[in-house]
């Protein structure tokens, strides 16, 4: 029966490793089939697939860390000024002009929940007000 399942392989001797595994650790087994031996090619193939999976996971983890560092959603603050200063300190805001306009535009007018959390916020029906307020502050900052 093992030769038919194993693709032409010869069954191991009754006292071998495969019999101990199939029989629950040796000692009788109670009529179970013996497991087919594992060839070296199967072991090498399994190890190669395992190595590829580990490499793919490492690459995914590396990219995830890079994205999280680039997004830097760790700049939140207790106030609007603290949020903007943390964004600048972490390199998200680089331009002085952007810093000034962001400092002049308080997120509490546009975000309903957690306005000073450094994460994307839904502004819902506030879009018109946000645009007006931001443009007004930008134009006044240009003067």
N, C-alpha and C. Protein backbone atom coordinates (compact mmCIF):
# COMPACT_ATOMS: atom_id res chain seq x y z
N UNK A 1 0.82 -1.19 0.00
CA UNK A 1 0.00 0.00 0.00
C UNK A 1 0.86 1.26 0.00
N UNK A 2 2.01 1.25 0.74
CA UNK A 2 2.87 2.42 0.81
C UNK A 2 3.49 2.70 -0.55
N UNK A 3 3.78 1.65 -1.32
CA UNK A 3 4.38 1.87 -2.64
C UNK A 3 3.38 2.53 -3.58
N UNK A 4 2.11 2.22 -3.46
CA UNK A 4 1.09 2.82 -4.31
C UNK A 4 0.89 4.29 -3.94
N UNK A 5 0.94 4.62 -2.66
CA UNK A 5 0.78 6.01 -2.24
C UNK A 5 2.03 6.83 -2.49
N UNK A 6 3.17 6.26 -2.33
CA UNK A 6 4.42 6.99 -2.38
C UNK A 6 4.99 7.15 -3.76
N UNK A 7 4.30 6.79 -4.79
CA UNK A 7 4.80 6.99 -6.13
C UNK A 7 5.90 6.03 -6.50
N UNK A 8 5.83 4.79 -6.06
CA UNK A 8 6.81 3.79 -6.46
C UNK A 8 7.93 3.62 -5.46
N UNK A 9 7.88 4.30 -4.32
CA UNK A 9 8.93 4.15 -3.33
C UNK A 9 8.73 2.86 -2.54
N UNK A 10 9.80 2.35 -2.03
CA UNK A 10 9.76 1.10 -1.26
C UNK A 10 9.48 1.45 0.19
N UNK A 11 8.62 0.65 0.83
CA UNK A 11 8.27 0.88 2.24
C UNK A 11 9.47 0.58 3.12
N UNK A 12 9.63 1.32 4.24
CA UNK A 12 10.76 1.08 5.14
C UNK A 12 10.55 -0.22 5.90
N UNK A 13 11.61 -0.71 6.50
CA UNK A 13 11.47 -1.91 7.32
C UNK A 13 10.55 -1.64 8.50
N UNK A 14 9.87 -2.67 9.02
CA UNK A 14 8.86 -2.49 10.07
C UNK A 14 9.36 -1.77 11.33
N UNK A 15 10.60 -1.86 11.67
CA UNK A 15 11.07 -1.22 12.91
C UNK A 15 11.65 0.16 12.69
N UNK A 16 11.50 0.76 11.51
CA UNK A 16 12.14 2.03 11.17
C UNK A 16 11.45 3.25 11.77
N UNK A 17 12.02 4.42 11.45
CA UNK A 17 11.51 5.69 11.96
C UNK A 17 10.09 5.94 11.53
N UNK A 18 9.74 5.66 10.28
CA UNK A 18 8.41 5.92 9.76
C UNK A 18 7.37 5.09 10.48
N UNK A 19 7.71 3.85 10.87
CA UNK A 19 6.77 3.00 11.59
C UNK A 19 6.52 3.57 12.98
N UNK A 20 7.55 4.13 13.62
CA UNK A 20 7.39 4.71 14.95
C UNK A 20 6.50 5.95 14.89
N UNK A 21 6.64 6.76 13.85
CA UNK A 21 5.81 7.96 13.70
C UNK A 21 4.37 7.58 13.43
N UNK A 22 4.14 6.64 12.51
CA UNK A 22 2.79 6.25 12.15
C UNK A 22 2.11 5.51 13.28
N UNK A 23 2.85 4.81 14.07
CA UNK A 23 2.27 4.01 15.14
C UNK A 23 2.13 4.78 16.43
N UNK A 24 2.35 6.06 16.43
CA UNK A 24 2.19 6.85 17.65
C UNK A 24 3.38 6.73 18.58
N UNK A 25 4.57 6.56 18.06
CA UNK A 25 5.75 6.50 18.90
C UNK A 25 6.21 5.09 19.18
N UNK A 26 5.79 4.13 18.45
CA UNK A 26 6.22 2.74 18.64
C UNK A 26 5.28 2.00 19.56
N UNK A 27 5.31 0.72 19.48
CA UNK A 27 4.53 -0.08 20.41
C UNK A 27 3.17 -0.50 19.91
N UNK A 28 3.02 -0.98 18.74
CA UNK A 28 1.75 -1.60 18.39
C UNK A 28 1.00 -0.91 17.29
N UNK A 29 0.67 0.33 17.37
CA UNK A 29 0.04 1.06 16.28
C UNK A 29 -1.37 0.67 15.98
N UNK A 30 -1.81 -0.53 16.11
CA UNK A 30 -3.19 -0.93 15.92
C UNK A 30 -3.70 -0.85 14.51
N UNK A 31 -2.97 -1.35 13.51
CA UNK A 31 -3.50 -1.48 12.16
C UNK A 31 -3.37 -0.24 11.30
N UNK A 32 -2.66 0.81 11.71
CA UNK A 32 -2.49 2.00 10.87
C UNK A 32 -1.50 1.76 9.76
N UNK A 33 -1.59 2.55 8.71
CA UNK A 33 -0.65 2.41 7.60
C UNK A 33 0.69 3.03 7.96
N UNK A 34 1.74 2.50 7.41
CA UNK A 34 3.07 3.05 7.64
C UNK A 34 3.26 4.27 6.76
N UNK A 35 3.94 5.29 7.29
CA UNK A 35 4.21 6.50 6.53
C UNK A 35 5.34 6.25 5.55
N UNK A 36 5.26 6.85 4.39
CA UNK A 36 6.30 6.70 3.38
C UNK A 36 7.51 7.52 3.80
N UNK A 37 8.72 7.06 3.48
CA UNK A 37 9.92 7.82 3.84
C UNK A 37 10.00 9.12 3.04
N UNK A 38 10.67 10.08 3.60
CA UNK A 38 10.84 11.38 2.96
C UNK A 38 12.16 11.37 2.21
N UNK A 39 12.11 11.73 0.95
CA UNK A 39 13.35 11.73 0.15
C UNK A 39 14.11 13.03 0.39
N UNK A 40 15.39 13.00 0.05
CA UNK A 40 16.25 14.18 0.21
C UNK A 40 15.75 15.33 -0.67
N UNK A 41 15.22 15.01 -1.84
CA UNK A 41 14.70 16.04 -2.75
C UNK A 41 13.50 16.76 -2.12
N UNK A 42 12.65 16.00 -1.44
CA UNK A 42 11.50 16.62 -0.77
C UNK A 42 11.95 17.54 0.36
N UNK A 43 12.96 17.12 1.10
CA UNK A 43 13.49 17.94 2.19
C UNK A 43 14.09 19.22 1.65
N UNK A 44 14.91 19.11 0.60
CA UNK A 44 15.54 20.29 0.00
C UNK A 44 14.47 21.22 -0.58
N UNK A 45 13.46 20.66 -1.22
CA UNK A 45 12.38 21.47 -1.78
C UNK A 45 11.64 22.22 -0.67
N UNK A 46 11.34 21.53 0.42
CA UNK A 46 10.65 22.16 1.54
C UNK A 46 11.48 23.28 2.14
N UNK A 47 12.79 23.01 2.34
CA UNK A 47 13.67 24.03 2.91
C UNK A 47 13.80 25.24 1.98
N UNK A 48 13.83 25.00 0.68
CA UNK A 48 13.87 26.11 -0.28
C UNK A 48 12.62 26.97 -0.21
N UNK A 49 11.46 26.32 -0.12
CA UNK A 49 10.20 27.08 -0.01
C UNK A 49 10.14 27.84 1.30
N UNK A 50 10.62 27.22 2.36
CA UNK A 50 10.64 27.89 3.66
C UNK A 50 11.56 29.10 3.64
N UNK A 51 12.71 28.96 3.00
CA UNK A 51 13.66 30.07 2.89
C UNK A 51 13.05 31.22 2.08
N UNK A 52 12.36 30.89 1.01
CA UNK A 52 11.70 31.93 0.19
C UNK A 52 10.61 32.63 0.99
N UNK A 53 9.85 31.89 1.76
CA UNK A 53 8.79 32.49 2.57
C UNK A 53 9.37 33.42 3.63
N UNK A 54 10.46 33.01 4.26
CA UNK A 54 11.11 33.85 5.26
C UNK A 54 11.65 35.12 4.61
N UNK A 55 12.27 34.99 3.45
CA UNK A 55 12.80 36.16 2.75
C UNK A 55 11.67 37.11 2.35
N UNK A 56 10.55 36.58 1.90
CA UNK A 56 9.41 37.42 1.53
C UNK A 56 8.85 38.15 2.75
N UNK A 57 8.76 37.46 3.88
CA UNK A 57 8.28 38.11 5.10
C UNK A 57 9.23 39.20 5.57
N UNK A 58 10.53 38.95 5.47
CA UNK A 58 11.51 39.97 5.85
C UNK A 58 11.40 41.19 4.95
N UNK A 59 11.23 40.98 3.66
CA UNK A 59 11.08 42.09 2.72
C UNK A 59 9.81 42.88 3.01
N UNK A 60 8.72 42.18 3.30
CA UNK A 60 7.46 42.86 3.62
C UNK A 60 7.59 43.66 4.90
N UNK A 61 8.24 43.12 5.90
CA UNK A 61 8.45 43.83 7.16
C UNK A 61 9.31 45.06 6.94
N UNK A 62 10.36 44.93 6.14
CA UNK A 62 11.23 46.07 5.83
C UNK A 62 10.43 47.18 5.15
N UNK A 63 9.63 46.81 4.15
CA UNK A 63 8.84 47.83 3.43
C UNK A 63 7.80 48.47 4.35
N UNK A 64 7.18 47.67 5.20
CA UNK A 64 6.20 48.21 6.14
C UNK A 64 6.84 49.21 7.09
N UNK A 65 8.02 48.88 7.57
CA UNK A 65 8.73 49.81 8.46
C UNK A 65 9.09 51.09 7.72
N UNK A 66 9.53 50.97 6.48
CA UNK A 66 9.88 52.16 5.69
C UNK A 66 8.67 53.04 5.47
N UNK A 67 7.53 52.44 5.16
CA UNK A 67 6.31 53.21 4.93
C UNK A 67 5.87 53.88 6.21
N UNK A 68 5.92 53.16 7.32
CA UNK A 68 5.51 53.75 8.59
C UNK A 68 6.43 54.90 8.99
N UNK A 69 7.73 54.76 8.72
CA UNK A 69 8.64 55.85 9.02
C UNK A 69 8.40 57.03 8.10
N UNK A 70 8.06 56.76 6.84
CA UNK A 70 7.80 57.85 5.91
C UNK A 70 6.51 58.57 6.28
N UNK A 71 5.49 57.81 6.66
CA UNK A 71 4.21 58.41 7.04
C UNK A 71 4.32 59.06 8.42
N UNK A 72 5.10 58.45 9.29
CA UNK A 72 5.38 58.98 10.63
C UNK A 72 4.13 59.38 11.38
N UNK A 73 3.16 58.51 11.40
CA UNK A 73 1.93 58.81 12.15
C UNK A 73 2.19 58.70 13.64
N UNK A 74 3.17 59.44 14.07
CA UNK A 74 3.51 59.46 15.49
C UNK A 74 3.80 60.88 15.93
N UNK A 75 3.22 61.84 15.22
CA UNK A 75 3.50 63.24 15.51
C UNK A 75 2.35 63.95 16.19
N UNK A 76 1.35 63.23 16.64
CA UNK A 76 0.18 63.84 17.25
C UNK A 76 0.54 64.67 18.47
N UNK A 77 -0.40 65.47 18.89
CA UNK A 77 -0.17 66.31 20.06
C UNK A 77 -1.46 66.58 20.80
N UNK A 78 -1.34 67.27 21.92
CA UNK A 78 -2.50 67.60 22.73
C UNK A 78 -3.18 68.87 22.22
N UNK A 79 -2.47 69.64 21.40
CA UNK A 79 -3.03 70.88 20.85
C UNK A 79 -2.64 70.99 19.39
N UNK A 80 -3.25 71.96 18.71
CA UNK A 80 -2.94 72.16 17.29
C UNK A 80 -1.47 72.55 17.10
N UNK A 81 -1.00 73.48 17.92
CA UNK A 81 0.40 73.93 17.79
C UNK A 81 1.37 72.77 18.02
N UNK A 82 1.07 71.93 19.00
CA UNK A 82 1.95 70.79 19.28
C UNK A 82 1.96 69.81 18.11
N UNK A 83 0.80 69.55 17.50
CA UNK A 83 0.72 68.68 16.33
C UNK A 83 1.59 69.21 15.20
N UNK A 84 1.45 70.49 14.87
CA UNK A 84 2.20 71.08 13.75
C UNK A 84 3.70 71.10 14.05
N UNK A 85 4.07 71.44 15.27
CA UNK A 85 5.50 71.44 15.63
C UNK A 85 6.08 70.02 15.56
N UNK A 86 5.31 69.03 15.99
CA UNK A 86 5.79 67.63 15.90
C UNK A 86 5.92 67.18 14.45
N UNK A 87 4.99 67.59 13.59
CA UNK A 87 5.09 67.26 12.16
C UNK A 87 6.36 67.86 11.57
N UNK A 88 6.67 69.08 11.98
CA UNK A 88 7.89 69.72 11.47
C UNK A 88 9.14 69.04 12.05
N UNK A 89 9.12 68.74 13.33
CA UNK A 89 10.26 68.10 13.98
C UNK A 89 10.57 66.74 13.36
N UNK A 90 9.52 66.00 12.96
CA UNK A 90 9.71 64.68 12.36
C UNK A 90 9.95 64.72 10.86
N UNK A 91 10.04 65.90 10.28
CA UNK A 91 10.39 66.02 8.88
C UNK A 91 9.24 65.88 7.90
N UNK A 92 8.00 65.87 8.39
CA UNK A 92 6.86 65.78 7.49
C UNK A 92 6.61 67.13 6.83
N UNK A 93 6.68 68.19 7.63
CA UNK A 93 6.57 69.56 7.09
C UNK A 93 8.00 70.09 6.94
N UNK A 94 8.36 70.43 5.71
CA UNK A 94 9.73 70.90 5.45
C UNK A 94 9.81 72.38 5.13
N UNK A 95 8.76 72.91 4.52
CA UNK A 95 8.76 74.31 4.09
C UNK A 95 8.28 75.22 5.21
N UNK A 96 8.94 76.37 5.33
CA UNK A 96 8.51 77.35 6.32
C UNK A 96 7.12 77.89 6.01
N UNK A 97 6.82 78.09 4.73
CA UNK A 97 5.51 78.62 4.33
C UNK A 97 4.40 77.63 4.68
N UNK A 98 4.64 76.34 4.41
CA UNK A 98 3.65 75.31 4.75
C UNK A 98 3.47 75.27 6.26
N UNK A 99 4.56 75.38 7.00
CA UNK A 99 4.49 75.38 8.46
C UNK A 99 3.62 76.54 8.95
N UNK A 100 3.83 77.73 8.40
CA UNK A 100 3.05 78.90 8.82
C UNK A 100 1.56 78.73 8.52
N UNK A 101 1.25 78.26 7.32
CA UNK A 101 -0.16 78.10 6.94
C UNK A 101 -0.81 77.00 7.78
N UNK A 102 -0.10 75.89 7.98
CA UNK A 102 -0.65 74.82 8.81
C UNK A 102 -0.87 75.29 10.24
N UNK A 103 0.03 76.10 10.74
CA UNK A 103 -0.11 76.62 12.10
C UNK A 103 -1.31 77.56 12.21
N UNK A 104 -1.60 78.28 11.13
CA UNK A 104 -2.72 79.23 11.13
C UNK A 104 -4.07 78.54 10.92
N UNK A 105 -4.06 77.29 10.47
CA UNK A 105 -5.31 76.56 10.17
C UNK A 105 -5.51 75.46 11.19
N UNK A 106 -6.38 75.71 12.16
CA UNK A 106 -6.61 74.75 13.23
C UNK A 106 -7.53 73.62 12.75
N UNK A 107 -7.11 72.39 12.95
CA UNK A 107 -7.88 71.22 12.50
C UNK A 107 -9.18 71.03 13.26
N UNK A 108 -9.31 71.63 14.42
CA UNK A 108 -10.54 71.42 15.20
C UNK A 108 -11.77 71.98 14.48
N UNK A 109 -11.57 72.91 13.53
CA UNK A 109 -12.68 73.47 12.77
C UNK A 109 -13.19 72.49 11.71
N UNK A 110 -12.41 71.46 11.40
CA UNK A 110 -12.74 70.60 10.26
C UNK A 110 -12.85 69.13 10.61
N UNK A 111 -12.20 68.67 11.64
CA UNK A 111 -12.25 67.26 12.02
C UNK A 111 -13.14 67.11 13.26
N UNK A 112 -14.12 66.24 13.17
CA UNK A 112 -15.05 66.08 14.28
C UNK A 112 -14.42 65.36 15.47
N UNK A 113 -13.62 64.34 15.21
CA UNK A 113 -13.08 63.49 16.27
C UNK A 113 -11.56 63.50 16.23
N UNK A 114 -10.95 63.65 17.38
CA UNK A 114 -9.49 63.59 17.52
C UNK A 114 -8.77 64.48 16.51
N UNK A 115 -9.02 65.76 16.50
CA UNK A 115 -8.42 66.61 15.47
C UNK A 115 -6.90 66.71 15.54
N UNK A 116 -6.33 66.47 16.71
CA UNK A 116 -4.88 66.63 16.84
C UNK A 116 -4.13 65.30 16.79
N UNK A 117 -4.83 64.24 16.39
CA UNK A 117 -4.18 62.95 16.19
C UNK A 117 -3.52 62.98 14.81
N UNK A 118 -2.29 62.52 14.74
CA UNK A 118 -1.57 62.51 13.47
C UNK A 118 -2.00 61.30 12.65
N UNK A 119 -3.16 61.42 12.02
CA UNK A 119 -3.69 60.37 11.16
C UNK A 119 -4.71 61.01 10.23
N UNK A 120 -5.03 60.34 9.13
CA UNK A 120 -6.03 60.91 8.22
C UNK A 120 -7.36 61.11 8.96
N UNK A 121 -7.99 62.23 8.70
CA UNK A 121 -9.25 62.56 9.35
C UNK A 121 -10.32 62.80 8.30
N UNK A 122 -11.51 62.34 8.58
CA UNK A 122 -12.64 62.61 7.69
C UNK A 122 -13.12 64.03 7.96
N UNK A 123 -13.29 64.79 6.88
CA UNK A 123 -13.76 66.16 7.08
C UNK A 123 -15.20 66.31 6.64
N UNK A 124 -15.79 65.27 6.08
CA UNK A 124 -17.22 65.24 5.77
C UNK A 124 -17.72 66.50 5.09
N UNK A 125 -18.68 67.20 5.71
CA UNK A 125 -19.29 68.40 5.15
C UNK A 125 -18.46 69.65 5.37
N UNK A 126 -17.32 69.51 5.95
CA UNK A 126 -16.47 70.65 6.25
C UNK A 126 -15.61 71.09 5.08
N UNK A 127 -15.70 70.41 3.93
CA UNK A 127 -14.78 70.66 2.82
C UNK A 127 -14.81 72.11 2.35
N UNK A 128 -16.00 72.69 2.20
CA UNK A 128 -16.09 74.08 1.74
C UNK A 128 -15.45 75.02 2.74
N UNK A 129 -15.74 74.82 4.01
CA UNK A 129 -15.16 75.68 5.04
C UNK A 129 -13.64 75.53 5.10
N UNK A 130 -13.17 74.31 4.97
CA UNK A 130 -11.74 74.07 5.00
C UNK A 130 -11.05 74.80 3.86
N UNK A 131 -11.59 74.70 2.68
CA UNK A 131 -10.99 75.35 1.52
C UNK A 131 -10.98 76.86 1.70
N UNK A 132 -12.10 77.41 2.12
CA UNK A 132 -12.17 78.87 2.32
C UNK A 132 -11.18 79.33 3.38
N UNK A 133 -11.19 78.64 4.52
CA UNK A 133 -10.35 79.03 5.63
C UNK A 133 -8.87 78.90 5.28
N UNK A 134 -8.51 77.81 4.62
CA UNK A 134 -7.11 77.59 4.25
C UNK A 134 -6.64 78.61 3.23
N UNK A 135 -7.46 78.86 2.21
CA UNK A 135 -7.08 79.85 1.20
C UNK A 135 -6.97 81.24 1.81
N UNK A 136 -7.89 81.57 2.70
CA UNK A 136 -7.85 82.88 3.36
C UNK A 136 -6.54 83.03 4.14
N UNK A 137 -6.17 82.00 4.88
CA UNK A 137 -4.93 82.06 5.65
C UNK A 137 -3.70 82.06 4.75
N UNK A 138 -3.77 81.31 3.65
CA UNK A 138 -2.64 81.27 2.73
C UNK A 138 -2.44 82.64 2.06
N UNK A 139 -3.53 83.25 1.65
CA UNK A 139 -3.44 84.57 1.00
C UNK A 139 -2.95 85.62 1.98
N UNK A 140 -3.44 85.56 3.21
CA UNK A 140 -2.96 86.54 4.21
C UNK A 140 -1.49 86.29 4.54
N UNK A 141 -1.01 85.05 4.49
CA UNK A 141 0.38 84.75 4.75
C UNK A 141 1.28 85.20 3.61
N UNK A 142 0.71 85.29 2.39
CA UNK A 142 1.48 85.73 1.22
C UNK A 142 1.80 87.22 1.30
N UNK A 143 0.95 87.99 1.98
CA UNK A 143 1.12 89.45 2.04
C UNK A 143 2.21 89.89 2.95
